[in-house]
């Protein structure tokens, strides 16, 4: 079956302004006939059994009028389709995964976290475990940075708890879906549904990682099981000598698809990152030119926050 025939089973999303955009296989706009049938079958089953949550499953990009009043790129990412891709379009397996995620949302009180959680210790935590979104890569993906090498576990748990770190993670995943992806899609004119992650291991110690491994393990499972198919690219930079010991601990927590998207780089990573990220969008201390006022890790600069200004005059 040709690419055109495959794409014809699933109409292109509305609102696309990028003339060069072509959806990847398994995405809305490029579903085969069996994939389109699986998507509709799963949605019908969810509706018939009373599991269909309209605000999350009927609005494919989870668009909010406050973010995109013109409804640009409407219907460009289908959350039900994400679960199907994660289970290779096996309807029973995708359904079980989705329903488990819905039960988890209730158990974790995700809606309450979104409405009421306030991570007031954000600036303090940033000193000891920086985790932040900052601008976009050349494909329009939001870039997520995690500076594990700056981890100071005693200081970190002196100002917060593992539970609050996980609640913050959940809140950021929700904002990623409801705020960041729609804003990025509007900015580049085509659907954006994944993230570019940069994990910086400069200065990381094995002992510090051991102390925080429970959080990292739980965070990994949340990403894979509750927010599947959100990873686009993943760079591990400044991987130190002996990193294989740490990697041997992390790798079993990840599925094969996730592992295949991870690229491990040493200290000479700048050229590779700059192939995918504009210099003005990459923090200066990682080889770019961006110097946000107050620091890139606290600026939340990106299309989702157009009023935020950086030190080099780039929003």
Protein backbone atom coordinates (compact mmCIF):
# COMPACT_ATOMS: atom_id res chain seq x y z
CA UNK A 1 0.00 0.00 0.00
CA UNK A 2 1.41 3.41 -0.96
CA UNK A 3 1.84 6.35 1.40
CA UNK A 4 -0.99 8.22 -0.31
CA UNK A 5 -3.33 5.27 0.04
CA UNK A 6 -2.45 4.93 3.71
CA UNK A 7 -3.01 8.63 4.34
CA UNK A 8 -6.39 8.56 2.56
CA UNK A 9 -7.82 6.42 5.37
CA UNK A 10 -7.40 9.34 7.76
CA UNK A 11 -8.04 12.92 6.57
CA UNK A 12 -5.38 15.53 7.25
CA UNK A 13 -6.08 17.65 10.35
CA UNK A 14 -7.63 21.08 9.94
CA UNK A 15 -5.71 24.30 10.44
CA UNK A 16 -2.31 23.22 9.07
CA UNK A 17 -0.40 26.14 7.54
CA UNK A 18 2.96 24.40 7.02
CA UNK A 19 2.92 23.27 3.35
CA UNK A 20 5.74 20.78 3.96
CA UNK A 21 4.08 18.94 6.84
CA UNK A 22 3.45 15.23 6.43
CA UNK A 23 2.21 13.22 9.44
CA UNK A 24 4.31 10.29 10.56
CA UNK A 25 2.75 6.83 10.17
CA UNK A 26 0.22 6.03 12.87
CA UNK A 27 -0.78 9.67 13.35
CA UNK A 28 -3.99 11.46 12.45
CA UNK A 29 -3.67 12.19 8.75
CA UNK A 30 -1.59 9.09 8.08
CA UNK A 31 -3.51 6.09 9.39
CA UNK A 32 -3.96 2.90 7.43
CA UNK A 33 -7.47 1.53 7.02
CA UNK A 34 -6.96 -1.04 9.83
CA UNK A 35 -5.52 1.67 12.09
CA UNK A 36 -8.43 4.01 11.43
CA UNK A 37 -10.81 1.13 12.12
CA UNK A 38 -9.01 0.34 15.39
CA UNK A 39 -9.28 3.99 16.46
CA UNK A 40 -12.99 4.17 15.77
CA UNK A 41 -13.60 0.76 17.36
CA UNK A 42 -11.87 1.76 20.58
CA UNK A 43 -13.74 5.07 20.77
CA UNK A 44 -17.05 3.32 20.18
CA UNK A 45 -16.32 0.79 22.91
CA UNK A 46 -15.36 3.52 25.36
CA UNK A 47 -18.56 5.41 24.60
CA UNK A 48 -20.80 2.32 24.78
CA UNK A 49 -19.30 1.28 28.13
CA UNK A 50 -19.44 4.76 29.67
CA UNK A 51 -15.68 5.26 29.86
CA UNK A 52 -15.44 8.02 27.27
CA UNK A 53 -14.32 11.30 28.88
CA UNK A 54 -15.30 13.97 26.38
CA UNK A 55 -13.00 16.74 27.53
CA UNK A 56 -9.93 14.52 27.12
CA UNK A 57 -10.89 12.01 24.44
CA UNK A 58 -13.12 13.95 22.05
CA UNK A 59 -10.95 17.08 21.70
CA UNK A 60 -7.82 15.61 20.10
CA UNK A 61 -5.42 18.42 21.01
CA UNK A 62 -7.20 19.24 24.26
CA UNK A 63 -7.35 22.78 22.90
CA UNK A 64 -8.40 25.58 25.22
CA UNK A 65 -9.88 28.84 23.83
CA UNK A 66 -7.52 30.83 26.03
CA UNK A 67 -4.55 29.22 24.29
CA UNK A 68 -5.73 29.04 20.69
CA UNK A 69 -8.88 31.05 20.09
CA UNK A 70 -8.67 30.42 16.35
CA UNK A 71 -8.61 26.64 16.89
CA UNK A 72 -5.49 26.31 14.72
CA UNK A 73 -4.38 22.77 13.95
CA UNK A 74 -7.65 21.48 15.34
CA UNK A 75 -7.95 17.71 15.67
CA UNK A 76 -4.26 17.13 15.05
CA UNK A 77 -3.43 14.83 17.94
CA UNK A 78 -5.81 12.17 19.18
CA UNK A 79 -5.13 11.02 22.75
CA UNK A 80 -6.87 7.71 22.14
CA UNK A 81 -4.57 7.17 19.16
CA UNK A 82 -1.54 7.66 21.43
CA UNK A 83 -2.59 4.65 23.51
CA UNK A 84 -3.21 2.63 20.35
CA UNK A 85 0.27 3.42 19.01
CA UNK A 86 1.77 2.45 22.35
CA UNK A 87 0.16 -0.97 21.95
CA UNK A 88 0.72 -1.33 18.19
CA UNK A 89 -2.98 -0.72 17.45
CA UNK A 90 -4.05 -3.78 19.42
CA UNK A 91 -7.48 -2.60 20.59
CA UNK A 92 -7.86 -4.78 23.72
CA UNK A 93 -4.34 -3.95 24.94
CA UNK A 94 -4.73 -0.22 24.21
CA UNK A 95 -8.11 -0.21 25.93
CA UNK A 96 -6.66 -1.88 29.04
CA UNK A 97 -3.82 0.65 29.10
CA UNK A 98 -6.16 3.62 28.70
CA UNK A 99 -8.59 2.42 31.37
CA UNK A 100 -5.68 1.81 33.77
CA UNK A 101 -4.54 5.36 33.12
CA UNK A 102 -8.04 6.66 33.84
CA UNK A 103 -8.15 4.76 37.13
CA UNK A 104 -4.70 6.12 37.98
CA UNK A 105 -5.98 9.66 37.32
CA UNK A 106 -8.70 9.11 39.89
CA UNK A 107 -6.36 7.52 42.43
CA UNK A 108 -3.82 10.34 42.06
CA UNK A 109 -6.54 13.03 41.98
CA UNK A 110 -5.03 14.48 38.81
CA UNK A 111 -7.85 16.96 38.22
CA UNK A 112 -7.36 18.32 41.71
CA UNK A 113 -3.61 18.64 41.11
CA UNK A 114 -4.29 20.64 37.95
CA UNK A 115 -6.70 22.97 39.73
CA UNK A 116 -5.01 23.43 43.07
CA UNK A 117 -1.39 22.26 43.22
CA UNK A 118 1.11 25.07 43.74
CA UNK A 119 4.79 24.16 43.65
CA UNK A 120 5.82 27.10 45.81
CA UNK A 121 9.32 25.68 46.34
CA UNK A 122 10.10 25.80 42.60
CA UNK A 123 12.95 28.33 42.82
CA UNK A 124 14.60 26.49 45.70
CA UNK A 125 14.28 23.11 44.00
CA UNK A 126 15.80 24.59 40.86
CA UNK A 127 19.06 25.05 42.72
CA UNK A 128 19.36 21.35 43.50
CA UNK A 129 17.44 19.54 40.74
CA UNK A 130 16.68 21.75 37.71
CA UNK A 131 13.79 20.42 35.61
CA UNK A 132 12.21 22.78 33.11
CA UNK A 133 10.72 23.43 29.67
CA UNK A 134 12.51 26.01 27.57
CA UNK A 135 11.64 27.00 23.98
CA UNK A 136 11.37 24.61 21.02
CA UNK A 137 13.54 22.57 18.67
CA UNK A 138 13.61 23.00 14.89
CA UNK A 139 10.64 20.65 14.50
CA UNK A 140 8.56 22.71 16.93
CA UNK A 141 8.79 20.34 19.89
CA UNK A 142 8.97 21.88 23.37
CA UNK A 143 12.38 21.15 24.90
CA UNK A 144 12.51 19.65 28.37
CA UNK A 145 15.74 19.90 30.33
CA UNK A 146 16.73 17.86 33.36
CA UNK A 147 20.08 18.61 35.00
CA UNK A 148 20.66 15.46 37.01
CA UNK A 149 24.31 16.36 37.53
CA UNK A 150 23.29 19.26 39.79
CA UNK A 151 21.32 16.94 42.05
CA UNK A 152 21.84 17.46 45.77
CA UNK A 153 19.55 14.93 47.43
CA UNK A 154 19.87 16.00 51.10
CA UNK A 155 19.23 19.64 50.19
CA UNK A 156 16.41 18.67 47.81
CA UNK A 157 14.51 16.62 50.35
CA UNK A 158 15.09 19.31 52.92
CA UNK A 159 12.77 21.62 51.00
CA UNK A 160 10.35 19.21 49.27
CA UNK A 161 9.25 15.57 49.19
CA UNK A 162 9.12 12.79 46.61
CA UNK A 163 5.32 13.04 46.66
CA UNK A 164 5.39 16.75 45.79
CA UNK A 165 7.98 16.16 43.07
CA UNK A 166 5.68 13.57 41.51
CA UNK A 167 2.69 15.91 41.79
CA UNK A 168 4.69 18.59 40.03
CA UNK A 169 5.64 16.08 37.33
CA UNK A 170 1.97 15.23 36.78
CA UNK A 171 1.05 18.92 36.60
CA UNK A 172 3.77 19.51 34.01
CA UNK A 173 2.57 16.57 31.91
CA UNK A 174 -0.95 18.00 31.98
CA UNK A 175 0.31 21.46 31.00
CA UNK A 176 2.41 19.85 28.29
CA UNK A 177 -0.75 18.43 26.73
CA UNK A 178 -3.15 21.31 27.33
CA UNK A 179 -0.88 24.35 26.96
CA UNK A 180 2.52 23.63 25.45
CA UNK A 181 1.62 21.34 22.54
CA UNK A 182 -1.27 23.49 21.24
CA UNK A 183 0.86 26.63 21.46
CA UNK A 184 3.77 24.95 19.68
CA UNK A 185 1.43 23.63 16.98
CA UNK A 186 0.07 27.12 16.40
CA UNK A 187 3.58 28.59 16.27
CA UNK A 188 4.91 26.21 13.61
CA UNK A 189 1.72 25.59 11.65
CA UNK A 190 1.53 21.85 12.04
CA UNK A 191 0.69 19.31 14.74
CA UNK A 192 3.29 18.94 17.47
CA UNK A 193 2.68 16.00 19.79
CA UNK A 194 6.04 15.04 21.29
CA UNK A 195 8.84 16.52 23.38
CA UNK A 196 12.59 16.85 22.90
CA UNK A 197 14.29 15.92 26.18
CA UNK A 198 17.86 16.78 27.19
CA UNK A 199 19.21 15.01 30.25
CA UNK A 200 22.45 16.60 31.44
CA UNK A 201 24.67 14.31 33.52
CA UNK A 202 27.57 16.71 34.02
CA UNK A 203 28.89 16.14 37.55
CA UNK A 204 26.46 13.33 38.32
CA UNK A 205 27.47 10.91 41.04
CA UNK A 206 26.32 7.33 41.31
CA UNK A 207 25.62 7.79 45.02
CA UNK A 208 23.26 10.73 44.37
CA UNK A 209 21.42 8.77 41.70
CA UNK A 210 20.94 5.84 44.05
CA UNK A 211 19.34 8.19 46.57
CA UNK A 212 16.79 9.46 44.06
CA UNK A 213 16.30 6.27 42.03
CA UNK A 214 12.83 5.61 43.48
CA UNK A 215 11.60 8.96 42.20
CA UNK A 216 13.23 8.43 38.79
CA UNK A 217 11.68 4.98 38.54
CA UNK A 218 8.18 6.24 39.38
CA UNK A 219 8.57 9.23 37.08
CA UNK A 220 9.58 6.93 34.21
CA UNK A 221 6.56 4.69 34.75
CA UNK A 222 4.20 7.68 34.83
CA UNK A 223 5.55 8.86 31.49
CA UNK A 224 5.39 5.48 29.80
CA UNK A 225 2.13 4.17 31.23
CA UNK A 226 -0.01 7.28 31.75
CA UNK A 227 1.25 9.70 29.08
CA UNK A 228 2.44 7.35 26.31
CA UNK A 229 3.90 8.31 22.95
CA UNK A 230 4.98 11.77 24.09
CA UNK A 231 8.72 11.31 23.53
CA UNK A 232 10.12 12.57 20.26
CA UNK A 233 13.85 12.86 20.86
CA UNK A 234 15.92 12.19 23.97
CA UNK A 235 19.54 13.25 24.37
CA UNK A 236 21.70 12.25 27.30
CA UNK A 237 24.63 14.67 27.34
CA UNK A 238 27.84 14.82 29.36
CA UNK A 239 27.57 11.10 29.98
CA UNK A 240 30.55 10.42 32.25
CA UNK A 241 32.98 7.56 32.21
CA UNK A 242 31.27 4.71 33.98
CA UNK A 243 27.81 5.86 32.89
CA UNK A 244 27.09 2.28 31.89
CA UNK A 245 26.51 1.49 35.57
CA UNK A 246 23.77 4.13 35.83
CA UNK A 247 22.33 3.18 32.45
CA UNK A 248 22.09 -0.45 33.51
CA UNK A 249 19.81 0.69 36.34
CA UNK A 250 17.63 2.97 34.21
CA UNK A 251 17.29 0.88 31.05
CA UNK A 252 15.15 -1.93 32.56
CA UNK A 253 12.51 0.66 33.52
CA UNK A 254 12.08 1.72 29.89
CA UNK A 255 10.33 -0.05 27.05
CA UNK A 256 12.13 -0.87 23.80
CA UNK A 257 10.52 1.97 21.84
CA UNK A 258 11.66 4.50 24.45
CA UNK A 259 15.19 3.12 24.51
CA UNK A 260 15.39 3.36 20.71
CA UNK A 261 14.76 7.13 20.87
CA UNK A 262 17.59 7.81 23.33
CA UNK A 263 20.94 9.06 22.05
CA UNK A 264 23.83 9.04 24.52
CA UNK A 265 26.46 11.76 23.98
CA UNK A 266 29.60 12.65 25.85
CA UNK A 267 30.94 16.14 26.47
CA UNK A 268 31.22 16.97 22.75
CA UNK A 269 27.47 17.22 22.28
CA UNK A 270 27.01 20.82 21.12
CA UNK A 271 27.25 20.16 17.39
CA UNK A 272 24.62 17.44 17.56
CA UNK A 273 22.22 19.55 19.64
CA UNK A 274 22.64 22.53 17.35
CA UNK A 275 21.60 20.39 14.38
CA UNK A 276 18.18 20.10 15.99
CA UNK A 277 17.94 23.27 18.12
CA UNK A 278 18.59 26.87 17.09
CA UNK A 279 21.48 28.45 18.97
CA UNK A 280 19.24 31.27 20.22
CA UNK A 281 16.91 28.67 21.78
CA UNK A 282 19.58 26.62 23.55
CA UNK A 283 20.79 27.88 26.97
CA UNK A 284 24.23 29.45 26.83
CA UNK A 285 25.65 27.11 29.47
CA UNK A 286 24.84 24.20 27.17
CA UNK A 287 26.52 25.70 24.12
CA UNK A 288 23.74 27.95 22.83
CA UNK A 289 23.18 31.71 22.91
CA UNK A 290 20.09 32.06 25.10
CA UNK A 291 20.50 33.98 28.36
CA UNK A 292 17.05 34.39 29.84
CA UNK A 293 16.54 37.10 32.43
CA UNK A 294 16.65 35.31 35.78
CA UNK A 295 17.98 32.14 34.15
CA UNK A 296 16.59 29.85 31.47
CA UNK A 297 15.52 27.24 34.02
CA UNK A 298 12.99 29.61 35.60
CA UNK A 299 11.89 31.61 32.54
CA UNK A 300 9.36 29.13 31.08
CA UNK A 301 10.12 30.80 27.75
CA UNK A 302 8.36 29.35 24.72
CA UNK A 303 5.33 29.79 22.44
CA UNK A 304 3.08 28.85 25.38
CA UNK A 305 4.36 31.90 27.26
CA UNK A 306 4.72 34.65 24.61
CA UNK A 307 5.10 37.47 27.12
CA UNK A 308 8.23 35.94 28.69
CA UNK A 309 11.37 37.70 27.48
CA UNK A 310 14.90 36.39 27.41
CA UNK A 311 18.11 38.23 28.02
CA UNK A 312 18.97 38.19 24.31
CA UNK A 313 15.66 39.77 23.39
CA UNK A 314 14.06 36.59 22.12
CA UNK A 315 10.68 35.64 23.54
